[in-house]
Amino acid sequence: MKQELKNIKKTYKMSGRADEYVEVLKEINLTINQGDFVSVIGRSGCGKTTLLKIMGLLTTPSEGEIIINGVQVKELWKDELADLRRKKMGFVFQDYFLLDQLTALDNIILPGLLDKMNGDAAQNRALELADYLEINEKLLKKYPRELSGGEKQRMAIARALFNDPEFILADEPTGNLDDQSKRNVEGIFKKMHDTMNKSILLVTHDIDFAKLSETCYRIKNGLLILD
């Protein structure tokens, strides 16, 4: 999947101030081709997550164009946008967003169940991903409360990969992890890039993690700068 951002701006209204706005992103131009590994760094509040949400079709820009495989996103229906997110994109977040009442296995196969996938096929897909991510099958029977941060993040990555998306968007995926778990997750992202030909957008504070990407940008004063 090829995604292009052209002259993207994002402005937010300041709370309690009727006529005051803050421009978080200014004139952002970015192209991510299939197989690219791109990272974005910058201080807290600089707009990194906003950029990721725009690319993930989770929020709309104030101005500018989003083009996916040559198609203007603004021309798509809501159902088409939802299909793009569900089938073509996989999301990994700092806080995992696993459902506490489901086992790790059920959390992984949830995207398949939402797509009415056959139960046996969904379980086989989860086991295939568990093998790829070196997840012990015993962990799949546990609930999120019984897992370490690193184990939770591996489950979240498996869930993101379940529908075999073309584009992985990760927002601070190592932000809550200890050093060993960070290294494990970094290794998974490198492996995904090397063996799966996924497009990856990584938002991170971790400079060492960002160095694994092919191209690193910094957001400063709302502008995207090649780092």
Protein backbone atom coordinates (compact mmCIF):
# COMPACT_ATOMS: atom_id res chain seq x y z
CA MET A 1 0.00 0.00 0.00
CA LYS A 2 1.28 3.43 -0.92
CA GLN A 3 0.12 6.37 1.15
CA GLU A 4 0.81 10.02 0.46
CA LEU A 5 0.19 13.07 2.60
CA LYS A 6 0.11 16.36 0.72
CA ASN A 7 0.18 19.74 2.48
CA ILE A 8 -1.41 18.34 5.62
CA LYS A 9 -2.31 20.75 8.39
CA LYS A 10 -3.99 20.00 11.70
CA THR A 11 -5.38 22.75 13.90
CA TYR A 12 -7.06 22.37 17.27
CA LYS A 13 -9.29 24.85 19.03
CA MET A 14 -7.88 25.83 22.42
CA SER A 15 -10.08 24.78 25.32
CA GLY A 16 -12.18 27.62 26.70
CA ARG A 17 -10.95 30.13 24.14
CA ALA A 18 -13.49 30.71 21.40
CA ASP A 19 -11.23 32.33 18.82
CA GLU A 20 -7.84 30.80 19.60
CA TYR A 21 -6.36 27.84 17.77
CA VAL A 22 -3.09 25.94 17.84
CA GLU A 23 -1.59 24.55 14.64
CA VAL A 24 -0.06 21.20 15.55
CA LEU A 25 0.98 20.14 12.04
CA LYS A 26 2.01 22.51 9.24
CA GLU A 27 2.37 21.66 5.56
CA ILE A 28 3.25 17.99 6.10
CA ASN A 29 4.31 16.12 2.96
CA LEU A 30 5.16 12.44 3.35
CA THR A 31 5.06 9.35 1.15
CA ILE A 32 5.30 5.79 2.48
CA ASN A 33 5.61 3.05 -0.12
CA GLN A 34 5.03 -0.66 0.38
CA GLY A 35 7.89 -2.08 2.43
CA ASP A 36 9.15 1.26 3.77
CA PHE A 37 10.10 1.52 7.44
CA VAL A 38 9.70 5.13 8.58
CA SER A 39 10.09 6.50 12.09
CA VAL A 40 9.02 9.84 13.53
CA ILE A 41 10.59 11.30 16.66
CA GLY A 42 10.08 14.53 18.61
CA ARG A 43 9.23 15.90 22.03
CA SER A 44 5.94 15.10 23.76
CA GLY A 45 3.06 17.08 22.33
CA CYS A 46 4.82 17.90 19.08
CA GLY A 47 2.21 16.15 16.91
CA LYS A 48 3.70 12.67 16.37
CA THR A 49 0.57 10.83 17.46
CA THR A 50 -1.63 13.24 15.52
CA LEU A 51 0.36 12.43 12.38
CA LEU A 52 -0.02 8.69 13.02
CA LYS A 53 -3.77 9.05 13.54
CA ILE A 54 -4.10 10.96 10.28
CA MET A 55 -2.18 8.26 8.40
CA GLY A 56 -4.26 5.61 10.14
CA LEU A 57 -7.48 7.34 9.09
CA LEU A 58 -8.42 7.74 12.75
CA THR A 59 -8.67 11.52 12.50
CA THR A 60 -9.06 13.96 9.64
CA PRO A 61 -6.66 16.79 8.81
CA SER A 62 -7.81 20.40 8.87
CA GLU A 63 -6.34 20.89 5.41
CA GLY A 64 -4.52 18.84 2.80
CA GLU A 65 -4.89 15.53 0.99
CA ILE A 66 -4.48 11.88 1.95
CA ILE A 67 -3.97 9.59 -1.05
CA ILE A 68 -3.92 5.80 -0.78
CA ASN A 69 -2.97 3.77 -3.85
CA GLY A 70 -3.78 6.79 -6.00
CA VAL A 71 -7.24 7.33 -4.49
CA GLN A 72 -8.20 10.47 -2.57
CA VAL A 73 -9.38 9.39 0.88
CA LYS A 74 -11.94 12.21 1.00
CA GLU A 75 -13.73 10.52 -1.93
CA LEU A 76 -14.30 7.30 0.05
CA TRP A 77 -17.45 6.39 1.97
CA LYS A 78 -17.28 5.77 5.73
CA ASP A 79 -17.67 2.01 5.17
CA GLU A 80 -14.78 2.05 2.70
CA LEU A 81 -12.60 3.90 5.22
CA ALA A 82 -13.51 1.36 7.91
CA ASP A 83 -12.62 -1.51 5.55
CA LEU A 84 -9.24 0.11 4.81
CA ARG A 85 -8.44 0.41 8.51
CA ARG A 86 -9.61 -3.11 9.34
CA LYS A 87 -8.08 -4.99 6.40
CA LYS A 88 -5.08 -2.95 5.31
CA MET A 89 -3.82 -1.44 8.57
CA GLY A 90 -2.62 -2.86 11.86
CA PHE A 91 -2.25 -0.68 14.96
CA VAL A 92 0.11 -1.13 17.91
CA PHE A 93 -0.19 1.25 20.87
CA GLN A 94 1.79 1.96 24.02
CA ASP A 95 -1.06 0.81 26.27
CA TYR A 96 -1.77 -2.47 24.39
CA PHE A 97 -5.60 -2.10 24.51
CA LEU A 98 -6.17 -5.78 25.19
CA LEU A 99 -9.61 -6.75 26.49
CA ASP A 100 -9.28 -7.90 30.10
CA GLN A 101 -12.18 -10.35 29.93
CA LEU A 102 -10.67 -12.27 27.00
CA THR A 103 -7.73 -14.66 27.01
CA ALA A 104 -4.62 -13.71 25.08
CA LEU A 105 -5.67 -16.09 22.30
CA ASP A 106 -9.12 -14.52 22.04
CA ASN A 107 -7.58 -11.04 21.97
CA ILE A 108 -5.41 -12.08 19.03
CA ILE A 109 -8.24 -13.63 17.02
CA LEU A 110 -10.71 -10.80 17.74
CA PRO A 111 -10.19 -9.15 14.30
CA GLY A 112 -11.06 -12.46 12.64
CA LEU A 113 -14.15 -12.95 14.76
CA LEU A 114 -15.33 -9.44 13.88
CA ASP A 115 -14.95 -10.43 10.22
CA LYS A 116 -16.95 -13.64 10.92
CA MET A 117 -13.94 -15.85 10.22
CA ASN A 118 -14.31 -19.57 10.87
CA GLY A 119 -13.30 -20.35 14.46
CA ASP A 120 -10.82 -23.10 13.58
CA ALA A 121 -9.23 -20.97 10.87
CA ALA A 122 -8.94 -18.06 13.30
CA GLN A 123 -7.25 -20.22 15.91
CA ASN A 124 -4.84 -21.65 13.35
CA ARG A 125 -3.93 -18.11 12.25
CA ALA A 126 -3.30 -17.13 15.89
CA LEU A 127 -1.05 -20.16 16.41
CA GLU A 128 0.85 -19.33 13.23
CA LEU A 129 1.48 -15.80 14.53
CA ALA A 130 2.40 -17.11 17.97
CA ASP A 131 5.06 -19.25 16.35
CA TYR A 132 6.33 -16.33 14.26
CA LEU A 133 6.54 -14.08 17.33
CA GLU A 134 7.97 -16.85 19.53
CA ILE A 135 5.01 -16.78 21.91
CA ASN A 136 4.74 -19.83 24.14
CA GLU A 137 1.33 -21.46 23.61
CA LYS A 138 0.83 -21.55 27.39
CA LEU A 139 0.69 -17.76 27.37
CA LEU A 140 -2.24 -17.83 24.96
CA LYS A 141 -4.47 -19.31 27.68
CA LYS A 142 -3.72 -16.49 30.12
CA TYR A 143 -5.64 -13.25 30.65
CA PRO A 144 -3.96 -9.85 30.18
CA ARG A 145 -3.71 -9.34 33.96
CA GLU A 146 -1.50 -12.44 34.10
CA LEU A 147 0.95 -11.19 31.46
CA SER A 148 4.01 -8.97 31.70
CA GLY A 149 4.19 -5.75 29.70
CA GLY A 150 6.39 -7.36 27.09
CA GLU A 151 4.04 -10.33 26.76
CA LYS A 152 1.05 -8.02 26.40
CA GLN A 153 2.77 -6.09 23.64
CA ARG A 154 3.60 -9.26 21.72
CA MET A 155 -0.10 -10.22 21.92
CA ALA A 156 -1.03 -6.76 20.67
CA ILE A 157 1.41 -7.10 17.77
CA ALA A 158 -0.03 -10.52 16.91
CA ARG A 159 -3.52 -8.98 16.89
CA ALA A 160 -2.29 -6.17 14.62
CA LEU A 161 -0.88 -8.75 12.20
CA PHE A 162 -3.92 -11.04 12.28
CA ASN A 163 -5.58 -9.77 9.10
CA ASP A 164 -2.20 -9.64 7.31
CA PRO A 165 -2.32 -5.84 6.88
CA GLU A 166 -0.01 -4.07 4.47
CA PHE A 167 0.66 -1.15 6.82
CA ILE A 168 1.64 -1.30 10.52
CA LEU A 169 1.27 1.91 12.54
CA ALA A 170 2.92 1.87 15.95
CA ASP A 171 2.59 4.60 18.58
CA GLU A 172 5.31 4.35 21.25
CA PRO A 173 5.16 0.52 21.29
CA THR A 174 8.06 0.27 23.77
CA GLY A 175 6.98 3.18 25.98
CA ASN A 176 5.84 1.03 28.92
CA LEU A 177 8.45 -1.72 28.68
CA ASP A 178 11.60 -2.67 30.56
CA ASP A 179 14.91 -2.81 28.68
CA GLN A 180 14.76 -6.51 27.80
CA SER A 181 11.17 -6.28 26.60
CA LYS A 182 12.08 -3.18 24.56
CA ARG A 183 14.83 -5.10 22.81
CA ASN A 184 12.44 -7.98 22.10
CA VAL A 185 9.85 -5.66 20.55
CA GLU A 186 12.51 -3.83 18.55
CA GLY A 187 13.64 -7.20 17.20
CA ILE A 188 10.06 -8.06 16.21
CA PHE A 189 9.70 -4.85 14.21
CA LYS A 190 12.99 -5.44 12.45
CA LYS A 191 11.90 -9.01 11.67
CA MET A 192 8.53 -7.80 10.34
CA HIS A 193 10.28 -5.37 8.05
CA ASP A 194 12.88 -7.87 6.86
CA THR A 195 10.60 -10.87 6.32
CA MET A 196 7.04 -9.58 5.79
CA ASN A 197 7.51 -6.55 3.51
CA LYS A 198 5.18 -4.51 5.71
CA SER A 199 5.04 -0.75 5.48
CA ILE A 200 5.80 0.52 8.99
CA LEU A 201 5.24 3.91 10.57
CA LEU A 202 6.86 4.06 14.00
CA VAL A 203 6.29 6.96 16.39
CA THR A 204 8.76 6.83 19.26
CA HIS A 205 10.87 8.69 21.81
CA ASP A 206 13.45 5.91 21.63
CA ILE A 207 16.28 7.06 19.37
CA ASP A 208 17.87 3.60 19.26
CA PHE A 209 14.56 2.11 18.10
CA ALA A 210 14.17 4.83 15.48
CA LYS A 211 17.62 3.96 14.12
CA LEU A 212 16.26 0.59 12.98
CA SER A 213 14.10 2.37 10.41
CA GLU A 214 15.24 3.22 6.90
CA THR A 215 14.17 6.85 7.21
CA CYS A 216 13.77 8.94 10.35
CA TYR A 217 11.91 12.23 10.59
CA ARG A 218 11.59 14.71 13.43
CA ILE A 219 8.58 16.92 14.09
CA LYS A 220 9.65 20.37 15.24
CA ASN A 221 7.38 23.41 15.44
CA GLY A 222 4.75 21.50 13.47
CA LEU A 223 7.09 20.74 10.57
CA LEU A 224 8.34 17.34 9.43
CA ILE A 225 12.12 17.39 9.09
CA LEU A 226 14.40 14.64 7.81
CA ASP A 227 16.50 13.72 10.85
